[in-house]
Amino acid sequence: MLRHPKTLSARASITRAHAALSNDHVHLVLLTEGSRLAGTLTRADLPPPGTLGPALDWSTLVGRTVSPGTPMTVVHDLMISQGTRRVAVVDADGSLLGLMCLKQRRTGFCSDADVEARSRSRDEVTSQRVRSSADSRMGSE
């Protein structure tokens, strides 16, 4: 379970939710009020870009949460049967505890270390592109 998933405020706009889901690695937006999960969104939930209003109005929790005591095999089977790769873990009070993230090959779950490594790798690629672009500009001057 990812223990520190990215979240948006339950007051986030549809525009902000679209922006979050424009990242290919984001499959489920978690809308929170404090520590409580108020709703979830996928790309299919959202109205067309340009629609204004709160994203929460388009969200749901149905079928997108599991309790912390749910066995991983049950979570895996649920996600496969639903054709989803993300499910929020919430306690009985609705507090968000984390996110179960099914790997792309659907053979196991992502870890915080996996996400951190991917983020570092992306940051390194971005830094290399910035340096390369700067070198190109300096060479043409």
Protein backbone atom coordinates (compact mmCIF):
# COMPACT_ATOMS: atom_id res chain seq x y z
CA MET A 1 0.00 0.00 0.00
CA LEU A 2 1.20 3.48 -0.85
CA ARG A 3 1.11 5.25 2.50
CA HIS A 4 1.35 8.81 1.19
CA PRO A 5 -0.73 9.01 -1.98
CA LYS A 6 -1.22 12.34 -3.68
CA THR A 7 -4.57 13.92 -2.89
CA LEU A 8 -6.61 16.94 -3.88
CA SER A 9 -8.86 18.96 -1.64
CA ALA A 10 -12.53 17.99 -1.78
CA ARG A 11 -13.04 21.61 -2.92
CA ALA A 12 -10.89 21.09 -6.05
CA SER A 13 -12.33 22.15 -9.38
CA ILE A 14 -13.08 19.95 -12.35
CA THR A 15 -10.24 21.76 -14.14
CA ARG A 16 -7.81 20.78 -11.36
CA ALA A 17 -8.97 17.15 -11.48
CA HIS A 18 -8.47 17.07 -15.27
CA ALA A 19 -4.96 18.45 -14.75
CA ALA A 20 -4.14 15.76 -12.18
CA LEU A 21 -5.43 13.01 -14.47
CA SER A 22 -3.38 14.32 -17.41
CA ASN A 23 -0.42 12.51 -15.80
CA ASP A 24 -0.33 9.01 -17.29
CA HIS A 25 0.60 7.55 -13.88
CA VAL A 26 -2.47 8.99 -12.17
CA HIS A 27 -5.44 6.66 -12.51
CA LEU A 28 -7.48 7.73 -9.49
CA VAL A 29 -7.80 11.17 -7.94
CA LEU A 30 -8.41 11.09 -4.19
CA LEU A 31 -10.49 14.02 -2.92
CA THR A 32 -10.05 14.60 0.80
CA GLU A 33 -11.48 16.74 3.58
CA GLY A 34 -8.73 16.68 6.17
CA SER A 35 -7.86 13.01 6.58
CA ARG A 36 -11.27 11.78 5.37
CA LEU A 37 -11.70 10.48 1.83
CA ALA A 38 -14.64 12.40 0.35
CA GLY A 39 -14.58 11.04 -3.21
CA THR A 40 -12.58 9.48 -6.02
CA LEU A 41 -12.38 10.31 -9.69
CA THR A 42 -11.19 8.55 -12.82
CA ARG A 43 -10.90 10.05 -16.28
CA ALA A 44 -14.23 8.45 -17.20
CA ASP A 45 -15.99 10.19 -14.30
CA LEU A 46 -15.22 13.71 -15.41
CA PRO A 47 -17.27 15.85 -17.77
CA PRO A 48 -15.58 17.31 -20.87
CA PRO A 49 -12.71 19.77 -20.35
CA GLY A 50 -13.97 23.30 -19.94
CA THR A 51 -16.85 22.24 -17.69
CA LEU A 52 -16.76 24.36 -14.54
CA GLY A 53 -17.63 23.44 -10.98
CA PRO A 54 -16.46 21.25 -8.14
CA ALA A 55 -14.91 17.89 -9.01
CA LEU A 56 -16.53 16.34 -5.93
CA ASP A 57 -19.92 16.51 -7.69
CA TRP A 58 -18.62 13.95 -10.22
CA SER A 59 -16.88 11.67 -7.71
CA THR A 60 -17.81 8.38 -6.10
CA LEU A 61 -16.55 6.05 -3.40
CA VAL A 62 -18.63 3.05 -4.49
CA GLY A 63 -16.38 0.17 -5.50
CA ARG A 64 -13.23 2.22 -5.01
CA THR A 65 -12.37 1.59 -1.38
CA VAL A 66 -11.29 -1.34 0.76
CA SER A 67 -10.71 -1.69 4.47
CA PRO A 68 -7.18 -2.12 5.84
CA GLY A 69 -7.91 -5.71 6.87
CA THR A 70 -8.85 -6.86 3.38
CA PRO A 71 -6.42 -9.59 2.25
CA MET A 72 -4.19 -8.59 -0.67
CA THR A 73 -5.44 -11.52 -2.75
CA VAL A 74 -9.01 -10.28 -2.35
CA VAL A 75 -7.97 -6.73 -3.29
CA HIS A 76 -6.07 -8.05 -6.31
CA ASP A 77 -9.03 -10.15 -7.47
CA LEU A 78 -11.40 -7.20 -6.98
CA MET A 79 -9.20 -4.89 -9.02
CA ILE A 80 -8.81 -7.44 -11.82
CA SER A 81 -12.55 -8.10 -11.96
CA GLN A 82 -13.30 -4.34 -12.04
CA GLY A 83 -10.56 -3.63 -14.57
CA THR A 84 -9.02 -1.01 -12.30
CA ARG A 85 -5.50 -0.44 -11.03
CA ARG A 86 -6.17 1.77 -8.01
CA VAL A 87 -8.29 1.42 -4.88
CA ALA A 88 -8.21 3.59 -1.77
CA VAL A 89 -7.71 2.05 1.67
CA VAL A 90 -9.96 3.66 4.28
CA ASP A 91 -10.74 2.85 7.88
CA ALA A 92 -14.24 2.51 9.36
CA ASP A 93 -14.41 6.29 9.92
CA GLY A 94 -13.59 7.02 6.28
CA SER A 95 -10.05 8.20 6.96
CA LEU A 96 -7.70 7.67 4.03
CA LEU A 97 -4.92 5.28 5.04
CA GLY A 98 -3.34 4.73 1.64
CA LEU A 99 -3.72 3.55 -1.92
CA MET A 100 -3.41 0.09 -3.37
CA CYS A 101 -1.74 0.48 -6.75
CA LEU A 102 -1.71 -2.49 -9.10
CA LYS A 103 1.39 -2.61 -11.29
CA GLN A 104 0.96 -2.22 -15.03
CA ARG A 105 1.39 -5.96 -15.61
CA ARG A 106 -1.18 -6.56 -12.87
CA THR A 107 1.04 -9.14 -11.19
CA GLY A 108 1.67 -7.25 -7.96
CA PHE A 109 1.33 -3.97 -6.11
CA CYS A 110 3.40 -0.79 -6.24
CA SER A 111 5.31 0.29 -3.17
CA ASP A 112 6.30 3.70 -1.86
CA ALA A 113 9.88 2.84 -2.93
CA ASP A 114 8.69 2.08 -6.51
CA VAL A 115 6.90 5.42 -6.75
CA GLU A 116 9.87 7.30 -5.28
CA ALA A 117 12.30 5.62 -7.71
CA ARG A 118 10.07 6.45 -10.70
CA SER A 119 9.80 10.05 -9.52
CA ARG A 120 13.60 10.34 -9.14
CA SER A 121 14.06 8.84 -12.61
CA ARG A 122 11.57 11.31 -14.10
CA ASP A 123 13.32 14.19 -12.31
CA GLU A 124 16.69 13.05 -13.70
CA VAL A 125 15.30 12.90 -17.26
CA THR A 126 13.80 16.37 -16.84
CA SER A 127 17.12 17.73 -15.52
CA GLN A 128 18.99 16.18 -18.44
CA ARG A 129 16.55 17.76 -20.91
CA VAL A 130 16.93 21.16 -19.26
CA ARG A 131 20.74 20.89 -19.33
CA SER A 132 20.69 19.72 -22.96
CA SER A 133 18.38 22.56 -23.95
CA ALA A 134 20.56 25.09 -22.13
CA ASP A 135 23.71 23.66 -23.78
CA SER A 136 22.04 23.93 -27.20
CA ARG A 137 21.09 27.55 -26.61
CA MET A 138 24.59 28.41 -25.40
CA GLY A 139 26.14 26.72 -28.43
CA SER A 140 24.04 28.78 -30.85
CA GLU A 141 25.02 32.09 -29.31
